Each structure stands twice: as structure tokens, then as C-alpha cells.
Protein backbone atom coordinates (compact mmCIF):
# COMPACT_ATOMS: atom_id res chain seq x y z
CA MET A 1 18.48 9.80 1.76
CA THR A 2 17.37 9.23 5.20
CA ALA A 3 14.36 7.75 5.53
CA ARG A 4 12.04 10.06 8.19
CA ILE A 5 10.41 6.83 9.71
CA PRO A 6 13.77 4.30 9.41
CA PRO A 7 13.22 0.57 8.51
CA LEU A 8 12.38 -1.21 11.69
CA ALA A 9 15.99 -2.98 12.27
CA SER A 10 15.91 -7.18 13.22
CA PRO A 11 15.73 -7.99 16.29
CA TYR A 12 12.41 -7.13 15.52
CA PRO A 13 9.55 -6.72 18.51
CA PRO A 14 7.79 -10.21 19.07
CA GLU A 15 4.58 -8.99 17.45
CA VAL A 16 6.06 -7.38 15.28
CA ALA A 17 8.41 -11.05 13.45
CA PRO A 18 5.66 -13.00 12.38
CA VAL A 19 3.73 -10.17 10.00
CA LEU A 20 7.08 -9.33 8.06
CA ARG A 21 7.84 -13.38 7.82
CA ARG A 22 4.37 -12.99 6.17
CA MET A 23 4.75 -10.21 3.81
CA MET A 24 8.22 -11.94 2.26
CA PRO A 25 9.73 -15.60 0.50
CA PRO A 26 10.43 -18.01 3.43
CA GLY A 27 13.96 -17.20 3.74
CA GLU A 28 13.39 -13.08 2.14
CA GLU A 29 14.28 -10.06 4.97
CA PRO A 30 11.14 -7.86 4.43
CA ILE A 31 12.56 -4.91 2.55
CA GLY A 32 12.21 -1.42 3.75
CA LEU A 33 8.11 -0.21 2.88
CA PHE A 34 7.67 -3.46 5.09
CA ARG A 35 9.77 -2.84 8.20
CA THR A 36 8.37 0.66 7.96
CA TYR A 37 4.11 0.24 7.32
CA ALA A 38 5.92 -1.99 10.85
CA HIS A 39 6.26 0.30 12.99
CA ASN A 40 2.27 -0.16 13.01
CA VAL A 41 1.13 -3.50 13.49
CA ARG A 42 -1.87 -3.02 11.95
CA LEU A 43 -1.99 -0.93 9.77
CA THR A 44 0.38 -3.22 8.85
CA GLU A 45 -1.47 -6.16 8.69
CA ALA A 46 -4.55 -5.00 6.93
CA LEU A 47 -1.67 -4.01 4.59
CA HIS A 48 -0.54 -7.69 4.03
CA ALA A 49 -4.47 -8.84 3.52
CA TRP A 50 -4.60 -6.06 0.43
CA GLY A 51 -1.29 -7.02 -0.63
CA THR A 52 -1.27 -10.15 -0.37
CA TYR A 53 -4.51 -9.95 -2.48
CA GLN A 54 -2.88 -7.30 -5.64
CA LEU A 55 -0.04 -9.50 -5.90
CA SER A 56 -1.81 -12.55 -5.93
CA ARG A 57 -3.47 -15.36 -8.58
CA GLN A 58 -7.25 -13.98 -7.19
CA LEU A 59 -6.60 -10.53 -8.37
CA SER A 60 -8.88 -10.81 -11.70
CA LEU A 61 -5.27 -9.14 -14.05
CA GLY A 62 -2.59 -11.24 -15.27
CA LEU A 63 0.92 -10.50 -14.04
CA ARG A 64 1.69 -8.60 -17.24
CA ASP A 65 -1.31 -6.14 -16.25
CA ARG A 66 -0.45 -6.20 -13.49
CA GLU A 67 3.21 -4.78 -13.83
CA ILE A 68 2.32 -2.51 -16.45
CA VAL A 69 -0.20 0.38 -14.19
CA ILE A 70 1.81 -1.45 -11.36
CA ASP A 71 5.11 -0.04 -12.89
CA ARG A 72 3.42 2.39 -15.14
CA THR A 73 2.35 4.18 -11.76
CA CYS A 74 5.14 4.66 -9.84
CA ALA A 75 7.16 6.27 -12.41
CA LEU A 76 4.56 8.55 -13.16
CA CYS A 77 4.44 8.86 -8.99
CA GLY A 78 8.04 9.73 -9.51
CA CYS A 79 8.70 6.89 -6.97
CA GLU A 80 11.26 4.76 -7.67
CA TYR A 81 11.65 2.68 -4.68
CA GLU A 82 8.55 1.08 -5.19
CA TRP A 83 9.08 0.80 -9.34
CA SER A 84 12.66 -0.90 -8.39
CA VAL A 85 11.08 -3.47 -6.67
CA HIS A 86 9.03 -4.18 -9.07
CA ILE A 87 11.31 -3.86 -11.73
CA ALA A 88 13.34 -5.69 -10.58
CA ARG A 89 11.44 -8.59 -9.20
CA PHE A 90 8.48 -9.04 -11.44
CA ALA A 91 9.38 -6.74 -14.39
CA PRO A 92 11.27 -9.88 -16.40
CA ARG A 93 8.47 -12.61 -15.45
CA ALA A 94 5.74 -10.25 -17.14
CA GLY A 95 7.44 -10.45 -20.03
CA LEU A 96 8.49 -6.56 -19.86
CA THR A 97 11.89 -6.20 -22.80
CA ALA A 98 14.05 -3.29 -21.23
CA THR A 99 12.50 -1.31 -24.41
CA GLN A 100 9.15 -1.67 -22.87
CA VAL A 101 10.45 -0.80 -19.41
CA GLY A 102 12.02 2.64 -20.09
CA SER A 103 8.24 3.58 -22.33
CA LEU A 104 6.88 2.73 -18.44
CA THR A 105 9.29 5.35 -17.04
CA HIS A 106 9.42 7.53 -19.36
CA GLY A 107 7.58 7.18 -21.88
CA THR A 108 3.64 6.71 -23.88
CA SER A 109 0.69 4.24 -25.12
CA THR A 110 1.97 5.25 -28.07
CA ASP A 111 6.11 4.44 -27.98
CA ALA A 112 6.74 1.59 -30.77
CA CYS A 113 7.50 -0.85 -28.43
CA TRP A 114 3.53 -1.65 -27.21
CA THR A 115 2.53 -3.78 -30.17
CA ALA A 116 -0.86 -5.13 -28.29
CA GLU A 117 -4.11 -2.53 -27.29
CA ARG A 118 -4.38 -4.53 -24.63
CA ASP A 119 -0.91 -3.02 -22.90
CA ARG A 120 -2.18 0.34 -24.49
CA LEU A 121 -5.21 0.82 -22.28
CA LEU A 122 -3.92 -0.33 -19.05
CA ILE A 123 -1.23 3.03 -19.84
CA GLU A 124 -3.66 5.25 -21.10
CA ALA A 125 -6.31 3.67 -18.09
CA THR A 126 -3.59 4.73 -15.53
CA ASP A 127 -2.14 7.77 -17.22
CA ALA A 128 -6.18 8.92 -17.05
CA LEU A 129 -7.31 8.29 -13.55
CA HIS A 130 -3.52 10.13 -12.33
CA THR A 131 -3.63 13.20 -14.50
CA HIS A 132 -7.56 13.72 -14.36
CA GLN A 133 -8.66 10.42 -11.48
CA ASP A 134 -10.76 9.88 -14.13
CA ILE A 135 -10.97 7.57 -17.24
CA ASP A 136 -14.00 10.08 -20.04
CA ASP A 137 -15.93 7.53 -21.77
CA ALA A 138 -14.71 7.56 -24.56
CA LEU A 139 -11.73 5.68 -23.05
CA TRP A 140 -13.58 3.28 -20.69
CA GLU A 141 -15.38 2.11 -23.72
CA ARG A 142 -12.55 0.93 -25.20
CA LEU A 143 -11.59 -0.32 -21.59
CA ALA A 144 -14.44 -2.26 -21.70
CA ALA A 145 -13.87 -3.94 -24.87
CA GLU A 146 -10.90 -5.34 -23.72
CA PHE A 147 -12.04 -5.91 -20.19
CA SER A 148 -15.25 -7.24 -17.79
CA PRO A 149 -16.13 -5.48 -14.83
CA GLU A 150 -13.97 -7.49 -12.07
CA GLN A 151 -11.20 -6.63 -13.77
CA LEU A 152 -12.08 -2.95 -14.65
CA LEU A 153 -12.89 -2.68 -11.21
CA ASP A 154 -9.07 -4.95 -10.38
CA LEU A 155 -7.26 -2.04 -12.28
CA LEU A 156 -8.71 0.97 -10.89
CA MET A 157 -8.16 -0.17 -6.52
CA LEU A 158 -4.50 -1.03 -8.38
CA CYS A 159 -4.30 2.57 -9.94
CA GLY A 160 -4.76 4.08 -5.92
CA TRP A 161 -3.46 0.78 -4.33
CA TYR A 162 -0.18 2.83 -5.66
CA HIS A 163 -0.53 5.96 -5.60
CA ALA A 164 -0.99 5.46 -1.97
CA ILE A 165 2.63 2.66 -1.74
CA SER A 166 4.31 5.48 -3.93
CA PHE A 167 2.75 7.94 -1.42
CA THR A 168 4.61 6.08 1.22
CA ALA A 169 7.84 5.96 0.06
CA ARG A 170 8.34 8.88 -1.32
CA ALA A 171 6.84 10.65 1.68
CA THR A 172 8.70 8.84 4.13
CA ARG A 173 11.92 9.27 1.99
CA LEU A 174 12.33 5.75 1.59
CA PRO A 175 16.66 4.66 -0.08
CA LEU A 176 16.24 1.84 -2.38
CA GLU A 177 17.04 -1.71 -1.84
CA PRO A 178 20.32 -2.39 -2.44
CA GLY A 179 21.27 -2.58 -6.09
CA ALA A 180 17.63 -1.89 -7.50
CA PRO A 181 18.04 0.31 -10.28
CA GLN A 182 17.25 3.32 -10.48
CA PHE A 183 15.03 5.36 -13.23
CA GLY A 184 18.23 6.58 -14.84
CA ASP A 185 19.33 3.31 -15.68
CA VAL A 186 16.66 2.49 -18.65
CA ALA A 187 16.26 4.23 -21.43
CA PRO A 188 13.60 6.36 -23.08
CA PRO A 189 12.03 4.69 -26.23
CA ALA A 190 12.09 5.65 -29.11
CA ARG A 191 8.37 7.23 -30.72
CA ARG A 192 6.45 5.79 -32.53
CA THR A 193 7.24 7.01 -36.61
CA PRO A 194 3.90 8.47 -38.17
């Protein structure tokens, strides 16, 4: 696949290089998504500020909660690029098993691998936001019993943010990072038996 807006390649323009350096851990090359955004340096700076919050400990949702929402959102959007970045980089640290990754990619909140109500609620909320752009009263009541108002606001914005990231990666036809996992690499989950 050829990118419609090819990611910038090193050496980067002087106004872009420091922004890209801040977006990655020391010594790591910037990923293709960041190098794509770098065609618009003001946008890249703004995205970095927001993305830093979304991926930091300032976010009121923990790492596992965050990654369930991100992985599910990217899978629902068909955004293999961003899904693969998060599966490779964060899924193991978030304690997501291979079966749970398969479920986030191909399954539902009722799959047997989801034993915690909190995990199921995050998937249901992400699915509702993706499908209906809303959360009905019954689901909201269940969410409000588990999550604080601060966490609910972070959940809503996190889901929306990764829709925007998915739109960019898909519409620009951004190729996967080298060695990145693909949707087909993860097995669909076993269904819960009644």
C-alpha cells in the first residue's frame, strides 16, 4: 500500500525535528503516523499535547482501561495501523491476553475471556459510541456505578480521539510499521456458552 501523504523521512526540516523527537522515547525513530502529521507542524504540536495527556498517568483511566478502549476503537474503525502500534507496544503491559486481544479485534463483550464487569463495560461503551455515537440510559447507569465522572469524560474523549487517529491513518493509507501485527494474526475468541 502506498501512502497518500508519505511520512516525512530523515533528515527532517529544522522546525519539525524537535517536535518529532519529543513525540517518541529517546533513541526511537518516530512512527509513520507522527511523520505524516509532521507535514503540518502546528497540527503536530497540538496533537502531541493532547496525545501526551491521553497516554499519560494524568488520564484518570488506568493503562488497562485505556488500552481496551483504544484497541477496540481502532478495531471497530478498521484501523489496523494504530491497532497494531498499540497491540505491539502496550497490550502486554496492560495485561491483555492473546485471547482478549482477539476478542477486542473480532469479538464482543460477552466473550468468555472477559470475566471482569469493568472490562465488559468499557467494551460496551466503546461499541455504543462507535455504533450510535451515544450511550443509552441503561448502559450509562451501569457505567456511572463503576466509573467516576472524571473517568467517564476521559473515556468519551479517548474513544473520540482514536476515531480521529483512525480516520487519518486509514484515509492516508498509512502502511503498517515494520514487523507490526495484523488483524489476521489474532484468533477470534471462543464464544461464551449459555
